[in-house]
């Protein structure tokens, strides 16, 4: 809605079905594995596609890549930390709009919270790409702060790009006022 409102509007006017992509399935499998690892109970059967739609030629490659992502995760800073939340869905009301936020994980070190969003795709290509992507973290941070009844300034938010074993911390994360301003400007409100 904020970074490409014309595409969103076109898709809402005429939604087109999309073939499930191997990268999407891989992301789903990885997220399910992380949930199971932390005892939450996700399963790979939650993939949003029919068996007839899956590209079976990619399955061995997919499982090889999944094993690589799992090994990378097991050697990351996240492997030894215990999250306080995994796959927490929170419905955030922002300027009268309901935004569904499904937070991958939240950690707490006794003083600060950290929202982490696992990514199995490519890291942002430049500063503008990261600026656009940080909107997701800003929404998750605000949603979690409201849900917990705490100050959003007590919450850090990062992306973990598993493929690259890279933790990416945006230089800035929008606050509530900035998010509302962005929303209003994207829908043509003053």
Protein backbone atom coordinates (compact mmCIF):
# COMPACT_ATOMS: atom_id res chain seq x y z
CA UNK A 1 0.00 0.00 0.00
CA UNK A 2 2.80 2.41 0.80
CA UNK A 3 5.63 1.56 -1.58
CA UNK A 4 3.59 0.56 -4.67
CA UNK A 5 -0.08 1.56 -4.27
CA UNK A 6 -0.84 1.31 -8.02
CA UNK A 7 0.12 -2.39 -8.12
CA UNK A 8 -1.91 -3.13 -5.00
CA UNK A 9 -4.94 -1.36 -6.46
CA UNK A 10 -4.61 -3.26 -9.75
CA UNK A 11 -4.35 -6.58 -7.90
CA UNK A 12 -7.40 -5.77 -5.78
CA UNK A 13 -9.40 -4.85 -8.88
CA UNK A 14 -8.46 -8.03 -10.72
CA UNK A 15 -6.69 -10.62 -8.61
CA UNK A 16 -4.85 -13.21 -10.65
CA UNK A 17 -3.95 -16.67 -9.33
CA UNK A 18 -0.25 -17.31 -9.02
CA UNK A 19 1.63 -20.55 -9.39
CA UNK A 20 3.36 -21.50 -6.14
CA UNK A 21 7.02 -20.63 -6.39
CA UNK A 22 9.79 -22.87 -5.10
CA UNK A 23 11.20 -19.97 -3.07
CA UNK A 24 7.82 -19.44 -1.38
CA UNK A 25 7.54 -23.15 -0.56
CA UNK A 26 11.10 -23.13 0.77
CA UNK A 27 10.28 -20.17 3.03
CA UNK A 28 7.18 -21.96 4.29
CA UNK A 29 9.16 -25.12 5.01
CA UNK A 30 11.87 -23.16 6.83
CA UNK A 31 9.36 -21.24 8.98
CA UNK A 32 7.61 -24.51 9.85
CA UNK A 33 10.91 -26.07 10.83
CA UNK A 34 11.75 -23.12 13.11
CA UNK A 35 8.32 -23.40 14.74
CA UNK A 36 8.83 -27.12 15.36
CA UNK A 37 12.37 -26.46 16.66
CA UNK A 38 10.94 -24.13 19.28
CA UNK A 39 8.06 -26.48 20.08
CA UNK A 40 5.31 -24.43 18.51
CA UNK A 41 4.14 -27.12 16.12
CA UNK A 42 4.14 -25.79 12.58
CA UNK A 43 4.19 -28.40 9.84
CA UNK A 44 5.29 -28.40 6.25
CA UNK A 45 1.79 -29.55 5.34
CA UNK A 46 0.63 -25.96 5.80
CA UNK A 47 2.01 -25.08 2.36
CA UNK A 48 -0.68 -23.14 0.55
CA UNK A 49 -0.88 -25.20 -2.62
CA UNK A 50 -2.33 -28.40 -3.98
CA UNK A 51 -0.09 -31.38 -4.68
CA UNK A 52 -0.94 -31.10 -8.39
CA UNK A 53 0.43 -27.54 -8.37
CA UNK A 54 3.79 -28.40 -6.89
CA UNK A 55 6.78 -28.61 -9.17
CA UNK A 56 7.94 -32.09 -8.14
CA UNK A 57 11.19 -31.76 -10.10
CA UNK A 58 12.27 -29.11 -7.57
CA UNK A 59 11.58 -31.19 -4.44
CA UNK A 60 15.10 -32.75 -4.10
CA UNK A 61 16.67 -29.32 -4.68
CA UNK A 62 14.20 -27.79 -2.23
CA UNK A 63 15.11 -30.27 0.52
CA UNK A 64 18.83 -29.76 -0.10
CA UNK A 65 18.37 -26.00 0.20
CA UNK A 66 16.20 -26.45 3.32
CA UNK A 67 18.95 -28.55 4.93
CA UNK A 68 21.46 -25.78 4.13
CA UNK A 69 19.19 -23.14 5.69
CA UNK A 70 18.70 -25.31 8.78
CA UNK A 71 22.46 -25.76 9.19
CA UNK A 72 23.00 -22.02 8.80
CA UNK A 73 20.36 -21.31 11.43
CA UNK A 74 21.87 -23.85 13.83
CA UNK A 75 25.15 -21.90 13.64
CA UNK A 76 23.54 -18.47 14.03
CA UNK A 77 23.14 -16.27 17.09
CA UNK A 78 19.50 -17.36 17.24
CA UNK A 79 20.27 -21.06 17.75
CA UNK A 80 21.16 -20.69 21.43
CA UNK A 81 18.55 -18.08 22.34
CA UNK A 82 15.08 -18.95 23.58
CA UNK A 83 12.31 -16.81 22.11
CA UNK A 84 9.43 -15.54 24.24
CA UNK A 85 7.17 -15.62 21.18
CA UNK A 86 7.19 -17.62 17.96
CA UNK A 87 4.74 -17.00 15.11
CA UNK A 88 2.65 -14.58 17.18
CA UNK A 89 -0.24 -13.15 15.16
CA UNK A 90 -1.40 -9.72 16.29
CA UNK A 91 -4.06 -7.58 14.65
CA UNK A 92 -2.84 -4.00 14.74
CA UNK A 93 -5.32 -1.16 14.30
CA UNK A 94 -3.51 1.72 12.65
CA UNK A 95 -5.48 4.82 11.72
CA UNK A 96 -8.69 2.78 11.61
CA UNK A 97 -7.20 0.02 9.42
CA UNK A 98 -6.63 -3.52 10.65
CA UNK A 99 -3.19 -4.84 9.76
CA UNK A 100 -2.43 -8.50 10.43
CA UNK A 101 1.09 -8.90 11.78
CA UNK A 102 2.51 -12.41 12.04
CA UNK A 103 5.74 -11.99 13.96
CA UNK A 104 8.28 -14.76 13.43
CA UNK A 105 10.01 -14.46 16.81
CA UNK A 106 10.52 -12.16 19.77
CA UNK A 107 13.44 -12.42 22.18
CA UNK A 108 13.90 -10.74 25.56
CA UNK A 109 17.25 -10.23 27.27
CA UNK A 110 15.87 -8.93 30.57
CA UNK A 111 15.88 -5.30 29.45
CA UNK A 112 14.98 -5.07 25.77
CA UNK A 113 12.80 -7.00 23.39
CA UNK A 114 13.90 -7.89 19.87
CA UNK A 115 11.47 -8.70 17.06
CA UNK A 116 13.09 -10.93 14.45
CA UNK A 117 11.76 -11.62 10.99
CA UNK A 118 13.34 -14.67 9.30
CA UNK A 119 13.95 -14.23 5.59
CA UNK A 120 14.94 -16.97 3.17
CA UNK A 121 15.13 -14.64 0.17
CA UNK A 122 17.68 -12.09 -0.89
CA UNK A 123 18.81 -9.27 1.40
CA UNK A 124 17.82 -5.71 0.45
CA UNK A 125 19.70 -4.56 -2.64
CA UNK A 126 20.17 -0.95 -1.51
CA UNK A 127 19.26 1.63 1.13
CA UNK A 128 15.86 2.36 -0.47
CA UNK A 129 14.97 -1.34 -0.58
CA UNK A 130 15.84 -1.65 3.12
CA UNK A 131 13.85 1.52 3.87
CA UNK A 132 10.80 -0.01 2.14
CA UNK A 133 11.23 -3.36 3.88
CA UNK A 134 11.63 -1.83 7.35
CA UNK A 135 7.94 -0.89 7.19
CA UNK A 136 7.21 -4.51 8.08
CA UNK A 137 9.47 -4.33 11.14
CA UNK A 138 7.96 -1.00 12.18
CA UNK A 139 4.45 -2.47 12.05
CA UNK A 140 5.54 -5.58 13.96
CA UNK A 141 7.29 -3.51 16.62
CA UNK A 142 4.23 -1.30 17.12
CA UNK A 143 1.88 -4.30 17.16
CA UNK A 144 3.95 -6.13 19.76
CA UNK A 145 4.33 -3.01 21.92
CA UNK A 146 0.58 -2.45 21.98
CA UNK A 147 -0.14 -6.13 22.62
CA UNK A 148 2.33 -6.22 25.54
CA UNK A 149 1.42 -2.73 26.77
CA UNK A 150 5.02 -1.51 26.60
CA UNK A 151 6.85 1.42 25.03
CA UNK A 152 7.87 0.64 21.40
CA UNK A 153 11.25 2.23 22.17
CA UNK A 154 12.00 -0.85 24.32
CA UNK A 155 11.79 -3.04 21.21
CA UNK A 156 14.50 -3.53 18.60
CA UNK A 157 13.61 -5.11 15.28
CA UNK A 158 15.83 -6.95 12.81
CA UNK A 159 15.74 -9.11 9.72
CA UNK A 160 17.69 -12.34 9.70
CA UNK A 161 18.48 -13.32 6.11
CA UNK A 162 19.21 -17.00 6.63
CA UNK A 163 20.48 -17.59 3.09
CA UNK A 164 23.27 -15.06 3.69
CA UNK A 165 23.53 -15.63 7.47
CA UNK A 166 23.08 -11.86 7.79
CA UNK A 167 21.40 -9.91 10.56
CA UNK A 168 20.22 -6.61 9.10
CA UNK A 169 19.27 -3.80 11.45
CA UNK A 170 17.66 -0.85 9.69
CA UNK A 171 19.21 2.48 10.74
CA UNK A 172 15.74 3.78 11.54
CA UNK A 173 12.39 2.18 12.17
CA UNK A 174 9.28 4.27 11.71
CA UNK A 175 7.31 5.23 14.80
CA UNK A 176 3.50 5.25 14.97
CA UNK A 177 3.13 8.85 13.76
CA UNK A 178 5.38 8.17 10.77
CA UNK A 179 3.46 4.99 9.93
CA UNK A 180 0.15 6.86 10.02
CA UNK A 181 1.57 9.63 7.83
CA UNK A 182 2.83 7.04 5.31
CA UNK A 183 -0.52 5.27 5.29
CA UNK A 184 -2.43 8.49 4.76
CA UNK A 185 -0.13 9.67 1.97
CA UNK A 186 -0.45 6.30 0.19
CA UNK A 187 -4.26 6.54 0.13
CA UNK A 188 -4.33 10.26 -0.68
CA UNK A 189 -5.42 11.51 2.74
CA UNK A 190 -4.03 14.71 4.26
